[in-house]
Amino acid sequence: MKTYSIDLNSVYNADELHSEIREVLPVPEFYGNNLDALHDVLTDFHEPCRIEFKNLTEAEITMPKYIRSLKKMCEDVMKENEKVEIVFE
């Protein structure tokens, strides 16, 4: 199983989050830099994978609502695509 690790240690806003996602995950060139686009990408994964969002503390302080939305979206993805496991560490 492929594992992707997304470090949120120096992420302070949604643009930085999606920039980090672009660097780590195999997203298409036209990736929309928003949670709806991320949902579409993750529900379309065909190979089993684990995605780890690490070092959340600062991001949860600077953008708590967005991180809550990210977590909810990830829960939805795992319900829709059993090949994707997402954890927050």
PDB file of N, CA and C in Angstrom:
ATOM      1  N   MET A   1       0.848  -1.181   0.000  1.00  0.00           N
ATOM      2  CA  MET A   1       0.000   0.000   0.000  1.00  0.00           C
ATOM      3  C   MET A   1       0.893   1.244   0.000  1.00  0.00           C
ATOM      4  N   LYS A   2       0.591   2.162  -0.862  1.00  0.00           N
ATOM      5  CA  LYS A   2       1.324   3.421  -0.957  1.00  0.00           C
ATOM      6  C   LYS A   2       0.892   4.330   0.192  1.00  0.00           C
ATOM      7  N   THR A   3       1.875   4.991   0.824  1.00  0.00           N
ATOM      8  CA  THR A   3       1.581   5.940   1.900  1.00  0.00           C
ATOM      9  C   THR A   3       2.049   7.328   1.485  1.00  0.00           C
ATOM     10  N   TYR A   4       1.176   8.298   1.685  1.00  0.00           N
ATOM     11  CA  TYR A   4       1.486   9.698   1.409  1.00  0.00           C
ATOM     12  C   TYR A   4       1.459  10.439   2.738  1.00  0.00           C
ATOM     13  N   SER A   5       2.492  11.213   3.008  1.00  0.00           N
ATOM     14  CA  SER A   5       2.573  11.961   4.258  1.00  0.00           C
ATOM     15  C   SER A   5       2.552  13.456   3.956  1.00  0.00           C
ATOM     16  N   ILE A   6       1.540  14.130   4.496  1.00  0.00           N
ATOM     17  CA  ILE A   6       1.373  15.563   4.265  1.00  0.00           C
ATOM     18  C   ILE A   6       1.650  16.280   5.581  1.00  0.00           C
ATOM     19  N   ASP A   7       2.734  17.025   5.618  1.00  0.00           N
ATOM     20  CA  ASP A   7       3.158  17.717   6.839  1.00  0.00           C
ATOM     21  C   ASP A   7       2.526  19.105   6.881  1.00  0.00           C
ATOM     22  N   LEU A   8       1.708  19.336   7.906  1.00  0.00           N
ATOM     23  CA  LEU A   8       1.017  20.622   8.045  1.00  0.00           C
ATOM     24  C   LEU A   8       1.725  21.561   9.023  1.00  0.00           C
ATOM     25  N   ASN A   9       2.960  21.243   9.354  1.00  0.00           N
ATOM     26  CA  ASN A   9       3.696  22.033  10.337  1.00  0.00           C
ATOM     27  C   ASN A   9       3.822  23.506   9.970  1.00  0.00           C
ATOM     28  N   SER A  10       4.016  23.817   8.708  1.00  0.00           N
ATOM     29  CA  SER A  10       4.174  25.221   8.303  1.00  0.00           C
ATOM     30  C   SER A  10       3.030  25.663   7.388  1.00  0.00           C
ATOM     31  N   VAL A  11       1.843  25.110   7.621  1.00  0.00           N
ATOM     32  CA  VAL A  11       0.658  25.456   6.834  1.00  0.00           C
ATOM     33  C   VAL A  11      -0.227  26.361   7.676  1.00  0.00           C
ATOM     34  N   TYR A  12      -0.497  27.567   7.161  1.00  0.00           N
ATOM     35  CA  TYR A  12      -1.269  28.556   7.922  1.00  0.00           C
ATOM     36  C   TYR A  12      -2.551  29.007   7.237  1.00  0.00           C
ATOM     37  N   ASN A  13      -2.774  28.536   5.995  1.00  0.00           N
ATOM     38  CA  ASN A  13      -4.010  28.898   5.295  1.00  0.00           C
ATOM     39  C   ASN A  13      -4.325  27.838   4.238  1.00  0.00           C
ATOM     40  N   ALA A  14      -5.485  27.951   3.641  1.00  0.00           N
ATOM     41  CA  ALA A  14      -5.942  26.947   2.678  1.00  0.00           C
ATOM     42  C   ALA A  14      -5.035  26.863   1.453  1.00  0.00           C
ATOM     43  N   ASP A  15      -4.524  27.981   0.988  1.00  0.00           N
ATOM     44  CA  ASP A  15      -3.635  27.955  -0.180  1.00  0.00           C
ATOM     45  C   ASP A  15      -2.381  27.141   0.102  1.00  0.00           C
ATOM     46  N   GLU A  16      -1.810  27.334   1.291  1.00  0.00           N
ATOM     47  CA  GLU A  16      -0.611  26.574   1.660  1.00  0.00           C
ATOM     48  C   GLU A  16      -0.932  25.093   1.815  1.00  0.00           C
ATOM     49  N   LEU A  17      -2.101  24.780   2.346  1.00  0.00           N
ATOM     50  CA  LEU A  17      -2.517  23.385   2.477  1.00  0.00           C
ATOM     51  C   LEU A  17      -2.588  22.716   1.106  1.00  0.00           C
ATOM     52  N   HIS A  18      -3.242  23.376   0.178  1.00  0.00           N
ATOM     53  CA  HIS A  18      -3.396  22.770  -1.143  1.00  0.00           C
ATOM     54  C   HIS A  18      -2.080  22.739  -1.915  1.00  0.00           C
ATOM     55  N   SER A  19      -1.200  23.660  -1.650  1.00  0.00           N
ATOM     56  CA  SER A  19       0.137  23.616  -2.243  1.00  0.00           C
ATOM     57  C   SER A  19       0.890  22.379  -1.741  1.00  0.00           C
ATOM     58  N   GLU A  20       0.775  22.104  -0.464  1.00  0.00           N
ATOM     59  CA  GLU A  20       1.409  20.914   0.119  1.00  0.00           C
ATOM     60  C   GLU A  20       0.783  19.647  -0.460  1.00  0.00           C
ATOM     61  N   ILE A  21      -0.527  19.639  -0.606  1.00  0.00           N
ATOM     62  CA  ILE A  21      -1.217  18.490  -1.198  1.00  0.00           C
ATOM     63  C   ILE A  21      -0.732  18.249  -2.620  1.00  0.00           C
ATOM     64  N   ARG A  22      -0.586  19.322  -3.395  1.00  0.00           N
ATOM     65  CA  ARG A  22      -0.094  19.208  -4.778  1.00  0.00           C
ATOM     66  C   ARG A  22       1.295  18.580  -4.830  1.00  0.00           C
ATOM     67  N   GLU A  23       2.128  18.900  -3.841  1.00  0.00           N
ATOM     68  CA  GLU A  23       3.496  18.368  -3.822  1.00  0.00           C
ATOM     69  C   GLU A  23       3.529  16.883  -3.476  1.00  0.00           C
ATOM     70  N   VAL A  24       2.584  16.435  -2.654  1.00  0.00           N
ATOM     71  CA  VAL A  24       2.647  15.075  -2.123  1.00  0.00           C
ATOM     72  C   VAL A  24       1.748  14.095  -2.876  1.00  0.00           C
ATOM     73  N   LEU A  25       0.527  14.469  -3.134  1.00  0.00           N
ATOM     74  CA  LEU A  25      -0.434  13.551  -3.757  1.00  0.00           C
ATOM     75  C   LEU A  25      -0.386  13.634  -5.283  1.00  0.00           C
ATOM     76  N   PRO A  26      -0.704  12.534  -5.938  1.00  0.00           N
ATOM     77  CA  PRO A  26      -0.756  12.549  -7.399  1.00  0.00           C
ATOM     78  C   PRO A  26      -2.067  13.169  -7.890  1.00  0.00           C
ATOM     79  N   VAL A  27      -2.115  14.480  -7.852  1.00  0.00           N
ATOM     80  CA  VAL A  27      -3.315  15.192  -8.307  1.00  0.00           C
ATOM     81  C   VAL A  27      -3.109  15.626  -9.754  1.00  0.00           C
ATOM     82  N   PRO A  28      -4.190  15.755 -10.506  1.00  0.00           N
ATOM     83  CA  PRO A  28      -4.046  16.172 -11.902  1.00  0.00           C
ATOM     84  C   PRO A  28      -3.611  17.638 -12.015  1.00  0.00           C
ATOM     85  N   GLU A  29      -3.110  17.977 -13.161  1.00  0.00           N
ATOM     86  CA  GLU A  29      -2.648  19.340 -13.440  1.00  0.00           C
ATOM     87  C   GLU A  29      -3.742  20.369 -13.160  1.00  0.00           C
ATOM     88  N   PHE A  30      -4.980  20.011 -13.441  1.00  0.00           N
ATOM     89  CA  PHE A  30      -6.106  20.934 -13.298  1.00  0.00           C
ATOM     90  C   PHE A  30      -6.718  20.923 -11.892  1.00  0.00           C
ATOM     91  N   TYR A  31      -6.028  20.340 -10.914  1.00  0.00           N
ATOM     92  CA  TYR A  31      -6.531  20.281  -9.538  1.00  0.00           C
ATOM     93  C   TYR A  31      -6.978  21.664  -9.084  1.00  0.00           C
ATOM     94  N   GLY A  32      -8.173  21.739  -8.499  1.00  0.00           N
ATOM     95  CA  GLY A  32      -8.814  23.016  -8.216  1.00  0.00           C
ATOM     96  C   GLY A  32      -8.458  23.716  -6.918  1.00  0.00           C
ATOM     97  N   ASN A  33      -7.536  23.159  -6.118  1.00  0.00           N
ATOM     98  CA  ASN A  33      -7.099  23.808  -4.876  1.00  0.00           C
ATOM     99  C   ASN A  33      -8.242  24.129  -3.915  1.00  0.00           C
ATOM    100  N   ASN A  34      -9.153  23.173  -3.759  1.00  0.00           N
ATOM    101  CA  ASN A  34     -10.222  23.327  -2.778  1.00  0.00           C
ATOM    102  C   ASN A  34     -10.662  21.935  -2.318  1.00  0.00           C
ATOM    103  N   LEU A  35     -11.476  21.879  -1.283  1.00  0.00           N
ATOM    104  CA  LEU A  35     -11.861  20.588  -0.710  1.00  0.00           C
ATOM    105  C   LEU A  35     -12.741  19.771  -1.649  1.00  0.00           C
ATOM    106  N   ASP A  36     -13.565  20.412  -2.455  1.00  0.00           N
ATOM    107  CA  ASP A  36     -14.372  19.677  -3.427  1.00  0.00           C
ATOM    108  C   ASP A  36     -13.486  18.973  -4.454  1.00  0.00           C
ATOM    109  N   ALA A  37     -12.460  19.665  -4.913  1.00  0.00           N
ATOM    110  CA  ALA A  37     -11.526  19.069  -5.873  1.00  0.00           C
ATOM    111  C   ALA A  37     -10.759  17.921  -5.222  1.00  0.00           C
ATOM    112  N   LEU A  38     -10.339  18.105  -3.973  1.00  0.00           N
ATOM    113  CA  LEU A  38      -9.625  17.043  -3.268  1.00  0.00           C
ATOM    114  C   LEU A  38     -10.526  15.818  -3.095  1.00  0.00           C
ATOM    115  N   HIS A  39     -11.775  16.052  -2.749  1.00  0.00           N
ATOM    116  CA  HIS A  39     -12.745  14.954  -2.624  1.00  0.00           C
ATOM    117  C   HIS A  39     -12.832  14.176  -3.935  1.00  0.00           C
ATOM    118  N   ASP A  40     -12.951  14.872  -5.032  1.00  0.00           N
ATOM    119  CA  ASP A  40     -13.055  14.215  -6.337  1.00  0.00           C
ATOM    120  C   ASP A  40     -11.820  13.384  -6.646  1.00  0.00           C
ATOM    121  N   VAL A  41     -10.641  13.923  -6.344  1.00  0.00           N
ATOM    122  CA  VAL A  41      -9.389  13.201  -6.599  1.00  0.00           C
ATOM    123  C   VAL A  41      -9.317  11.937  -5.749  1.00  0.00           C
ATOM    124  N   LEU A  42      -9.614  12.074  -4.460  1.00  0.00           N
ATOM    125  CA  LEU A  42      -9.458  10.941  -3.548  1.00  0.00           C
ATOM    126  C   LEU A  42     -10.495   9.843  -3.782  1.00  0.00           C
ATOM    127  N   THR A  43     -11.688  10.213  -4.139  1.00  0.00           N
ATOM    128  CA  THR A  43     -12.699   9.175  -4.401  1.00  0.00           C
ATOM    129  C   THR A  43     -12.424   8.455  -5.714  1.00  0.00           C
ATOM    130  N   ASP A  44     -11.537   9.004  -6.526  1.00  0.00           N
ATOM    131  CA  ASP A  44     -11.188   8.384  -7.801  1.00  0.00           C
ATOM    132  C   ASP A  44      -9.920   7.535  -7.718  1.00  0.00           C
ATOM    133  N   PHE A  45      -9.259   7.468  -6.550  1.00  0.00           N
ATOM    134  CA  PHE A  45      -8.067   6.624  -6.407  1.00  0.00           C
ATOM    135  C   PHE A  45      -8.468   5.161  -6.621  1.00  0.00           C
ATOM    136  N   HIS A  46      -7.672   4.444  -7.411  1.00  0.00           N
ATOM    137  CA  HIS A  46      -7.984   3.052  -7.720  1.00  0.00           C
ATOM    138  C   HIS A  46      -7.083   2.066  -6.994  1.00  0.00           C
ATOM    139  N   GLU A  47      -5.956   2.538  -6.490  1.00  0.00           N
ATOM    140  CA  GLU A  47      -5.026   1.684  -5.758  1.00  0.00           C
ATOM    141  C   GLU A  47      -5.141   1.979  -4.265  1.00  0.00           C
ATOM    142  N   PRO A  48      -5.010   0.953  -3.415  1.00  0.00           N
ATOM    143  CA  PRO A  48      -5.059   1.198  -1.972  1.00  0.00           C
ATOM    144  C   PRO A  48      -3.954   2.169  -1.540  1.00  0.00           C
ATOM    145  N   CYS A  49      -4.313   3.092  -0.670  1.00  0.00           N
ATOM    146  CA  CYS A  49      -3.334   4.045  -0.179  1.00  0.00           C
ATOM    147  C   CYS A  49      -3.704   4.526   1.216  1.00  0.00           C
ATOM    148  N   ARG A  50      -2.705   5.042   1.890  1.00  0.00           N
ATOM    149  CA  ARG A  50      -2.878   5.651   3.208  1.00  0.00           C
ATOM    150  C   ARG A  50      -2.367   7.083   3.097  1.00  0.00           C
ATOM    151  N   ILE A  51      -3.176   8.017   3.550  1.00  0.00           N
ATOM    152  CA  ILE A  51      -2.787   9.426   3.542  1.00  0.00           C
ATOM    153  C   ILE A  51      -2.700   9.877   4.988  1.00  0.00           C
ATOM    154  N   GLU A  52      -1.546  10.398   5.351  1.00  0.00           N
ATOM    155  CA  GLU A  52      -1.313  10.842   6.720  1.00  0.00           C
ATOM    156  C   GLU A  52      -1.163  12.358   6.736  1.00  0.00           C
ATOM    157  N   PHE A  53      -2.026  13.023   7.460  1.00  0.00           N
ATOM    158  CA  PHE A  53      -1.880  14.458   7.703  1.00  0.00           C
ATOM    159  C   PHE A  53      -1.181  14.587   9.051  1.00  0.00           C
ATOM    160  N   LYS A  54       0.028  15.128   9.024  1.00  0.00           N
ATOM    161  CA  LYS A  54       0.848  15.178  10.240  1.00  0.00           C
ATOM    162  C   LYS A  54       1.024  16.611  10.732  1.00  0.00           C
ATOM    163  N   ASN A  55       1.308  16.738  12.019  1.00  0.00           N
ATOM    164  CA  ASN A  55       1.615  18.025  12.663  1.00  0.00           C
ATOM    165  C   ASN A  55       0.482  19.034  12.474  1.00  0.00           C
ATOM    166  N   LEU A  56      -0.686  18.657  12.932  1.00  0.00           N
ATOM    167  CA  LEU A  56      -1.887  19.472  12.757  1.00  0.00           C
ATOM    168  C   LEU A  56      -2.013  20.654  13.708  1.00  0.00           C
ATOM    169  N   THR A  57      -1.292  20.656  14.793  1.00  0.00           N
ATOM    170  CA  THR A  57      -1.519  21.610  15.879  1.00  0.00           C
ATOM    171  C   THR A  57      -1.616  23.054  15.399  1.00  0.00           C
ATOM    172  N   GLU A  58      -0.636  23.522  14.666  1.00  0.00           N
ATOM    173  CA  GLU A  58      -0.619  24.917  14.219  1.00  0.00           C
ATOM    174  C   GLU A  58      -1.759  25.210  13.245  1.00  0.00           C
ATOM    175  N   ALA A  59      -2.002  24.287  12.318  1.00  0.00           N
ATOM    176  CA  ALA A  59      -3.078  24.481  11.342  1.00  0.00           C
ATOM    177  C   ALA A  59      -4.440  24.530  12.031  1.00  0.00           C
ATOM    178  N   GLU A  60      -4.626  23.725  13.073  1.00  0.00           N
ATOM    179  CA  GLU A  60      -5.899  23.743  13.798  1.00  0.00           C
ATOM    180  C   GLU A  60      -6.096  25.062  14.541  1.00  0.00           C
ATOM    181  N   ILE A  61      -5.011  25.713  14.904  1.00  0.00           N
ATOM    182  CA  ILE A  61      -5.096  27.014  15.587  1.00  0.00           C
ATOM    183  C   ILE A  61      -5.370  28.131  14.578  1.00  0.00           C
ATOM    184  N   THR A  62      -4.670  28.101  13.461  1.00  0.00           N
ATOM    185  CA  THR A  62      -4.770  29.210  12.499  1.00  0.00           C
ATOM    186  C   THR A  62      -5.978  29.104  11.574  1.00  0.00           C
ATOM    187  N   MET A  63      -6.462  27.893  11.345  1.00  0.00           N
ATOM    188  CA  MET A  63      -7.628  27.741  10.463  1.00  0.00           C
ATOM    189  C   MET A  63      -8.509  26.586  10.943  1.00  0.00           C
ATOM    190  N   PRO A  64      -9.078  26.710  12.128  1.00  0.00           N
ATOM    191  CA  PRO A  64      -9.840  25.599  12.718  1.00  0.00           C
ATOM    192  C   PRO A  64     -11.053  25.161  11.895  1.00  0.00           C
ATOM    193  N   LYS A  65     -11.783  26.093  11.341  1.00  0.00           N
ATOM    194  CA  LYS A  65     -12.974  25.741  10.562  1.00  0.00           C
ATOM    195  C   LYS A  65     -12.588  24.944   9.311  1.00  0.00           C
ATOM    196  N   TYR A  66     -11.517  25.355   8.641  1.00  0.00           N
ATOM    197  CA  TYR A  66     -11.094  24.672   7.420  1.00  0.00           C
ATOM    198  C   TYR A  66     -10.599  23.263   7.739  1.00  0.00           C
ATOM    199  N   ILE A  67      -9.881  23.106   8.833  1.00  0.00           N
ATOM    200  CA  ILE A  67      -9.387  21.785   9.217  1.00  0.00           C
ATOM    201  C   ILE A  67     -10.562  20.874   9.591  1.00  0.00           C
ATOM    202  N   ARG A  68     -11.569  21.409  10.264  1.00  0.00           N
ATOM    203  CA  ARG A  68     -12.775  20.613  10.549  1.00  0.00           C
ATOM    204  C   ARG A  68     -13.442  20.160   9.248  1.00  0.00           C
ATOM    205  N   SER A  69     -13.511  21.063   8.297  1.00  0.00           N
ATOM    206  CA  SER A  69     -14.099  20.716   6.993  1.00  0.00           C
ATOM    207  C   SER A  69     -13.250  19.665   6.274  1.00  0.00           C
ATOM    208  N   LEU A  70     -11.946  19.792   6.367  1.00  0.00           N
ATOM    209  CA  LEU A  70     -11.036  18.804   5.771  1.00  0.00           C
ATOM    210  C   LEU A  70     -11.274  17.431   6.390  1.00  0.00           C
ATOM    211  N   LYS A  71     -11.367  17.376   7.709  1.00  0.00           N
ATOM    212  CA  LYS A  71     -11.581  16.094   8.388  1.00  0.00           C
ATOM    213  C   LYS A  71     -12.918  15.470   7.992  1.00  0.00           C
ATOM    214  N   LYS A  72     -13.955  16.274   7.907  1.00  0.00           N
ATOM    215  CA  LYS A  72     -15.278  15.783   7.506  1.00  0.00           C
ATOM    216  C   LYS A  72     -15.231  15.258   6.075  1.00  0.00           C
ATOM    217  N   MET A  73     -14.581  15.997   5.193  1.00  0.00           N
ATOM    218  CA  MET A  73     -14.455  15.561   3.804  1.00  0.00           C
ATOM    219  C   MET A  73     -13.699  14.235   3.737  1.00  0.00           C
ATOM    220  N   CYS A  74     -12.662  14.078   4.550  1.00  0.00           N
ATOM    221  CA  CYS A  74     -11.890  12.835   4.556  1.00  0.00           C
ATOM    222  C   CYS A  74     -12.736  11.657   5.043  1.00  0.00           C
ATOM    223  N   GLU A  75     -13.574  11.891   6.034  1.00  0.00           N
ATOM    224  CA  GLU A  75     -14.501  10.848   6.492  1.00  0.00           C
ATOM    225  C   GLU A  75     -15.408  10.416   5.353  1.00  0.00           C
ATOM    226  N   ASP A  76     -15.928  11.379   4.614  1.00  0.00           N
ATOM    227  CA  ASP A  76     -16.803  11.087   3.477  1.00  0.00           C
ATOM    228  C   ASP A  76     -16.060  10.277   2.413  1.00  0.00           C
ATOM    229  N   VAL A  77     -14.817  10.656   2.140  1.00  0.00           N
ATOM    230  CA  VAL A  77     -14.021   9.944   1.133  1.00  0.00           C
ATOM    231  C   VAL A  77     -13.852   8.486   1.532  1.00  0.00           C
ATOM    232  N   MET A  78     -13.523   8.236   2.803  1.00  0.00           N
ATOM    233  CA  MET A  78     -13.296   6.859   3.240  1.00  0.00           C
ATOM    234  C   MET A  78     -14.577   6.022   3.172  1.00  0.00           C
ATOM    235  N   LYS A  79     -15.728   6.659   3.335  1.00  0.00           N
ATOM    236  CA  LYS A  79     -17.000   5.942   3.182  1.00  0.00           C
ATOM    237  C   LYS A  79     -17.270   5.613   1.713  1.00  0.00           C
ATOM    238  N   GLU A  80     -16.840   6.486   0.824  1.00  0.00           N
ATOM    239  CA  GLU A  80     -17.109   6.319  -0.603  1.00  0.00           C
ATOM    240  C   GLU A  80     -16.068   5.468  -1.324  1.00  0.00           C
ATOM    241  N   ASN A  81     -14.835   5.479  -0.824  1.00  0.00           N
ATOM    242  CA  ASN A  81     -13.758   4.740  -1.491  1.00  0.00           C
ATOM    243  C   ASN A  81     -12.987   3.944  -0.441  1.00  0.00           C
ATOM    244  N   GLU A  82     -13.274   2.656  -0.350  1.00  0.00           N
ATOM    245  CA  GLU A  82     -12.661   1.810   0.669  1.00  0.00           C
ATOM    246  C   GLU A  82     -11.163   1.595   0.463  1.00  0.00           C
ATOM    247  N   LYS A  83     -10.644   2.005  -0.672  1.00  0.00           N
ATOM    248  CA  LYS A  83      -9.210   1.857  -0.938  1.00  0.00           C
ATOM    249  C   LYS A  83      -8.375   2.977  -0.304  1.00  0.00           C
ATOM    250  N   VAL A  84      -9.039   3.993   0.195  1.00  0.00           N
ATOM    251  CA  VAL A  84      -8.344   5.146   0.762  1.00  0.00           C
ATOM    252  C   VAL A  84      -8.509   5.161   2.281  1.00  0.00           C
ATOM    253  N   GLU A  85      -7.381   5.202   2.972  1.00  0.00           N
ATOM    254  CA  GLU A  85      -7.364   5.351   4.417  1.00  0.00           C
ATOM    255  C   GLU A  85      -6.713   6.703   4.720  1.00  0.00           C
ATOM    256  N   ILE A  86      -7.359   7.518   5.539  1.00  0.00           N
ATOM    257  CA  ILE A  86      -6.829   8.842   5.871  1.00  0.00           C
ATOM    258  C   ILE A  86      -6.747   8.963   7.370  1.00  0.00           C
ATOM    259  N   VAL A  87      -5.579   9.375   7.867  1.00  0.00           N
ATOM    260  CA  VAL A  87      -5.389   9.547   9.294  1.00  0.00           C
ATOM    261  C   VAL A  87      -4.828  10.944   9.579  1.00  0.00           C
ATOM    262  N   PHE A  88      -5.137  11.422  10.759  1.00  0.00           N
ATOM    263  CA  PHE A  88      -4.622  12.707  11.227  1.00  0.00           C
ATOM    264  C   PHE A  88      -3.771  12.429  12.456  1.00  0.00           C
ATOM    265  N   GLU A  89      -2.523  12.820  12.379  1.00  0.00           N
ATOM    266  CA  GLU A  89      -1.589  12.522  13.472  1.00  0.00           C
ATOM    267  C   GLU A  89      -1.029  13.797  14.072  1.00  0.00           C
TER     268      GLU A  89
END
